Structure formats: C-alpha cells, structure tokens
Amino acid sequence: MFTPNRTGSLMRKTGRNLEGEETYGDPVAIGLSIVNLATSSQKTSVRSDSSASRGQADEMAAERGKILTKETLAVDDLLSLSGSVFRVLGAHPRYTVLGAFDHNEIYLELVS
C-alpha cells in the first residue's frame, strides 16, 4: 500500500573515530514520503549588559519531523531532505490490517 513520492539521502552511522566523533557511511538514495517537516523561529533573549535597547533576535528552534519509508533506519542515522540534515530519533513499524509489514514511521530531529 505504501508508495514513496520523494527521495532522500541516507547516511548510516558506522561508529566513532579516535576522537569520539560519529562516523557515517556514504550517502544512499532512499524512497520516502514526508508527513511533517515544520520549521519555525523563536525570539531569543538578549542580556541587558550586551544591548542597551534590549533587542531580540530570531533563532531557528530545533525542529522535529516525521517521514514514512520502507527502509529500516537506525537511531542516529542522518537523512538529508530538502537541503536540511536530520538525525533519526526513532522508528515505528506500521502494518496493514492483514498483519503484513507496510512501512516504517521515522521520527527526525533537525541537525543543520
């Protein structure tokens, strides 16, 4: 029943290097459907000693998203969509009414 309507680049987490930084494999194209990728900005507070006018700035808040795909993604894998990079927070398999696997529901967090 699930039919992907977009593609994204998946980079699977392969481990950590000697400095403890996460390492990722080469990007692989996967089919997916976007459920929700919201972006918003929020006002930041500026310390009174740094600004006499007590101005505010707009800052992008860490956003989350949800996609559907037949691929199995692991926590901490990276996914590039629409010019943004997202980290996988979790996955939930979805099944048809007959009990057959249909797709995975993937929860994302905006990285950059």
C-alpha atoms as a PDB file:
ATOM      1  CA  MET A   1       0.000   0.000   0.000  1.00  0.00           C
ATOM      2  CA  PHE A   2       2.851   2.438   0.747  1.00  0.00           C
ATOM      3  CA  THR A   3       4.186   4.312  -2.281  1.00  0.00           C
ATOM      4  CA  PRO A   4       7.088   6.777  -1.772  1.00  0.00           C
ATOM      5  CA  ASN A   5       6.759  10.138  -3.502  1.00  0.00           C
ATOM      6  CA  ARG A   6      10.179  11.705  -2.686  1.00  0.00           C
ATOM      7  CA  THR A   7      13.807  10.650  -2.354  1.00  0.00           C
ATOM      8  CA  GLY A   8      16.365  11.493   0.321  1.00  0.00           C
ATOM      9  CA  SER A   9      19.995  10.674   1.078  1.00  0.00           C
ATOM     10  CA  LEU A  10      20.588   8.298   3.979  1.00  0.00           C
ATOM     11  CA  MET A  11      23.969   8.154   5.751  1.00  0.00           C
ATOM     12  CA  ARG A  12      24.132   5.219   8.156  1.00  0.00           C
ATOM     13  CA  LYS A  13      26.130   5.598  11.366  1.00  0.00           C
ATOM     14  CA  THR A  14      29.171   3.313  11.179  1.00  0.00           C
ATOM     15  CA  GLY A  15      30.762   4.020  14.558  1.00  0.00           C
ATOM     16  CA  ARG A  16      33.133   6.516  16.144  1.00  0.00           C
ATOM     17  CA  ASN A  17      36.640   7.690  15.293  1.00  0.00           C
ATOM     18  CA  LEU A  18      39.575   8.057  17.702  1.00  0.00           C
ATOM     19  CA  GLU A  19      38.329  11.476  18.860  1.00  0.00           C
ATOM     20  CA  GLY A  20      34.886  10.056  19.705  1.00  0.00           C
ATOM     21  CA  GLU A  21      33.120  11.763  16.802  1.00  0.00           C
ATOM     22  CA  GLU A  22      30.408   9.822  14.984  1.00  0.00           C
ATOM     23  CA  THR A  23      31.343   8.483  11.547  1.00  0.00           C
ATOM     24  CA  TYR A  24      28.890   7.845   8.721  1.00  0.00           C
ATOM     25  CA  GLY A  25      28.872   5.771   5.543  1.00  0.00           C
ATOM     26  CA  ASP A  26      28.405   7.028   2.012  1.00  0.00           C
ATOM     27  CA  PRO A  27      25.004   8.576   1.148  1.00  0.00           C
ATOM     28  CA  VAL A  28      22.426   6.173  -0.285  1.00  0.00           C
ATOM     29  CA  ALA A  29      19.235   7.327  -2.014  1.00  0.00           C
ATOM     30  CA  ILE A  30      16.024   6.017  -0.437  1.00  0.00           C
ATOM     31  CA  GLY A  31      12.355   6.462  -1.302  1.00  0.00           C
ATOM     32  CA  LEU A  32      10.189   8.165   1.306  1.00  0.00           C
ATOM     33  CA  SER A  33       7.093  10.227   1.954  1.00  0.00           C
ATOM     34  CA  ILE A  34       7.145  13.304   4.175  1.00  0.00           C
ATOM     35  CA  VAL A  35       4.435  13.539   6.814  1.00  0.00           C
ATOM     36  CA  ASN A  36       5.621  16.666   8.634  1.00  0.00           C
ATOM     37  CA  LEU A  37       8.738  18.844   8.415  1.00  0.00           C
ATOM     38  CA  ALA A  38       7.924  22.026  10.301  1.00  0.00           C
ATOM     39  CA  THR A  39      10.294  24.959  10.611  1.00  0.00           C
ATOM     40  CA  SER A  40       9.831  27.918  12.888  1.00  0.00           C
ATOM     41  CA  SER A  41      11.784  30.647  14.591  1.00  0.00           C
ATOM     42  CA  GLN A  42      11.536  31.951  18.099  1.00  0.00           C
ATOM     43  CA  LYS A  43      12.651  35.124  19.815  1.00  0.00           C
ATOM     44  CA  THR A  44      15.845  34.888  21.847  1.00  0.00           C
ATOM     45  CA  SER A  45      16.553  36.873  24.955  1.00  0.00           C
ATOM     46  CA  VAL A  46      19.479  39.274  24.836  1.00  0.00           C
ATOM     47  CA  ARG A  47      21.368  40.009  28.030  1.00  0.00           C
ATOM     48  CA  SER A  48      20.819  43.527  29.293  1.00  0.00           C
ATOM     49  CA  ASP A  49      24.543  44.254  29.535  1.00  0.00           C
ATOM     50  CA  SER A  50      25.092  43.401  25.857  1.00  0.00           C
ATOM     51  CA  SER A  51      22.288  45.501  24.399  1.00  0.00           C
ATOM     52  CA  ALA A  52      21.072  48.880  25.628  1.00  0.00           C
ATOM     53  CA  SER A  53      17.925  48.583  23.521  1.00  0.00           C
ATOM     54  CA  ARG A  54      17.168  45.102  24.898  1.00  0.00           C
ATOM     55  CA  GLY A  55      16.725  43.882  21.355  1.00  0.00           C
ATOM     56  CA  GLN A  56      15.818  40.375  20.330  1.00  0.00           C
ATOM     57  CA  ALA A  57      16.962  38.119  17.552  1.00  0.00           C
ATOM     58  CA  ASP A  58      15.216  35.366  15.623  1.00  0.00           C
ATOM     59  CA  GLU A  59      16.676  31.921  16.179  1.00  0.00           C
ATOM     60  CA  MET A  60      15.778  28.661  14.489  1.00  0.00           C
ATOM     61  CA  ALA A  61      14.441  26.243  17.088  1.00  0.00           C
ATOM     62  CA  ALA A  62      15.362  22.569  16.968  1.00  0.00           C
ATOM     63  CA  GLU A  63      12.531  21.086  14.939  1.00  0.00           C
ATOM     64  CA  ARG A  64      11.316  17.565  14.531  1.00  0.00           C
ATOM     65  CA  GLY A  65       9.778  15.805  11.607  1.00  0.00           C
ATOM     66  CA  LYS A  66       8.173  12.555  10.584  1.00  0.00           C
ATOM     67  CA  ILE A  67       8.610  10.538   7.386  1.00  0.00           C
ATOM     68  CA  LEU A  68       7.442   7.185   6.050  1.00  0.00           C
ATOM     69  CA  THR A  69       9.755   4.717   4.289  1.00  0.00           C
ATOM     70  CA  LYS A  70      10.122   1.005   3.626  1.00  0.00           C
ATOM     71  CA  GLU A  71      13.794   1.194   4.636  1.00  0.00           C
ATOM     72  CA  THR A  72      14.887   0.241   8.146  1.00  0.00           C
ATOM     73  CA  LEU A  73      16.707   3.195   9.713  1.00  0.00           C
ATOM     74  CA  ALA A  74      18.621   3.086  12.993  1.00  0.00           C
ATOM     75  CA  VAL A  75      18.764   5.713  15.714  1.00  0.00           C
ATOM     76  CA  ASP A  76      21.458   8.363  14.977  1.00  0.00           C
ATOM     77  CA  ASP A  77      21.488   7.763  11.202  1.00  0.00           C
ATOM     78  CA  LEU A  78      21.471  11.004   9.170  1.00  0.00           C
ATOM     79  CA  LEU A  79      18.943  11.832   6.462  1.00  0.00           C
ATOM     80  CA  SER A  80      19.288  14.721   4.005  1.00  0.00           C
ATOM     81  CA  LEU A  81      15.966  16.189   2.822  1.00  0.00           C
ATOM     82  CA  SER A  82      15.184  19.468   1.067  1.00  0.00           C
ATOM     83  CA  GLY A  83      18.598  20.964   1.861  1.00  0.00           C
ATOM     84  CA  SER A  84      18.438  20.106   5.578  1.00  0.00           C
ATOM     85  CA  VAL A  85      20.054  17.301   7.544  1.00  0.00           C
ATOM     86  CA  PHE A  86      18.025  15.355  10.106  1.00  0.00           C
ATOM     87  CA  ARG A  87      19.053  12.792  12.742  1.00  0.00           C
ATOM     88  CA  VAL A  88      16.861   9.725  13.286  1.00  0.00           C
ATOM     89  CA  LEU A  89      15.378   9.708  16.798  1.00  0.00           C
ATOM     90  CA  GLY A  90      13.271   6.585  16.492  1.00  0.00           C
ATOM     91  CA  ALA A  91      11.301   4.297  14.235  1.00  0.00           C
ATOM     92  CA  HIS A  92       7.980   2.520  14.483  1.00  0.00           C
ATOM     93  CA  PRO A  93       6.913  -0.240  12.056  1.00  0.00           C
ATOM     94  CA  ARG A  94       3.409   0.001  10.599  1.00  0.00           C
ATOM     95  CA  TYR A  95       1.392  -2.958   9.344  1.00  0.00           C
ATOM     96  CA  THR A  96      -1.606  -3.497   7.096  1.00  0.00           C
ATOM     97  CA  VAL A  97      -4.951  -4.651   8.507  1.00  0.00           C
ATOM     98  CA  LEU A  98      -3.966  -8.190   7.486  1.00  0.00           C
ATOM     99  CA  GLY A  99      -0.799  -8.018   9.598  1.00  0.00           C
ATOM    100  CA  ALA A 100       1.793  -7.695   6.803  1.00  0.00           C
ATOM    101  CA  PHE A 101       4.584  -5.113   7.144  1.00  0.00           C
ATOM    102  CA  ASP A 102       3.796  -1.959   5.150  1.00  0.00           C
ATOM    103  CA  HIS A 103       6.286   0.796   6.102  1.00  0.00           C
ATOM    104  CA  ASN A 104       8.295   2.394   8.919  1.00  0.00           C
ATOM    105  CA  GLU A 105       7.342   5.660  10.579  1.00  0.00           C
ATOM    106  CA  ILE A 106      10.583   7.550  11.271  1.00  0.00           C
ATOM    107  CA  TYR A 107      10.931  10.387  13.793  1.00  0.00           C
ATOM    108  CA  LEU A 108      13.539  13.046  12.974  1.00  0.00           C
ATOM    109  CA  GLU A 109      15.333  15.961  14.608  1.00  0.00           C
ATOM    110  CA  LEU A 110      16.828  18.855  12.642  1.00  0.00           C
ATOM    111  CA  VAL A 111      20.645  18.888  12.805  1.00  0.00           C
ATOM    112  CA  SER A 112      21.540  21.536  10.204  1.00  0.00           C
END
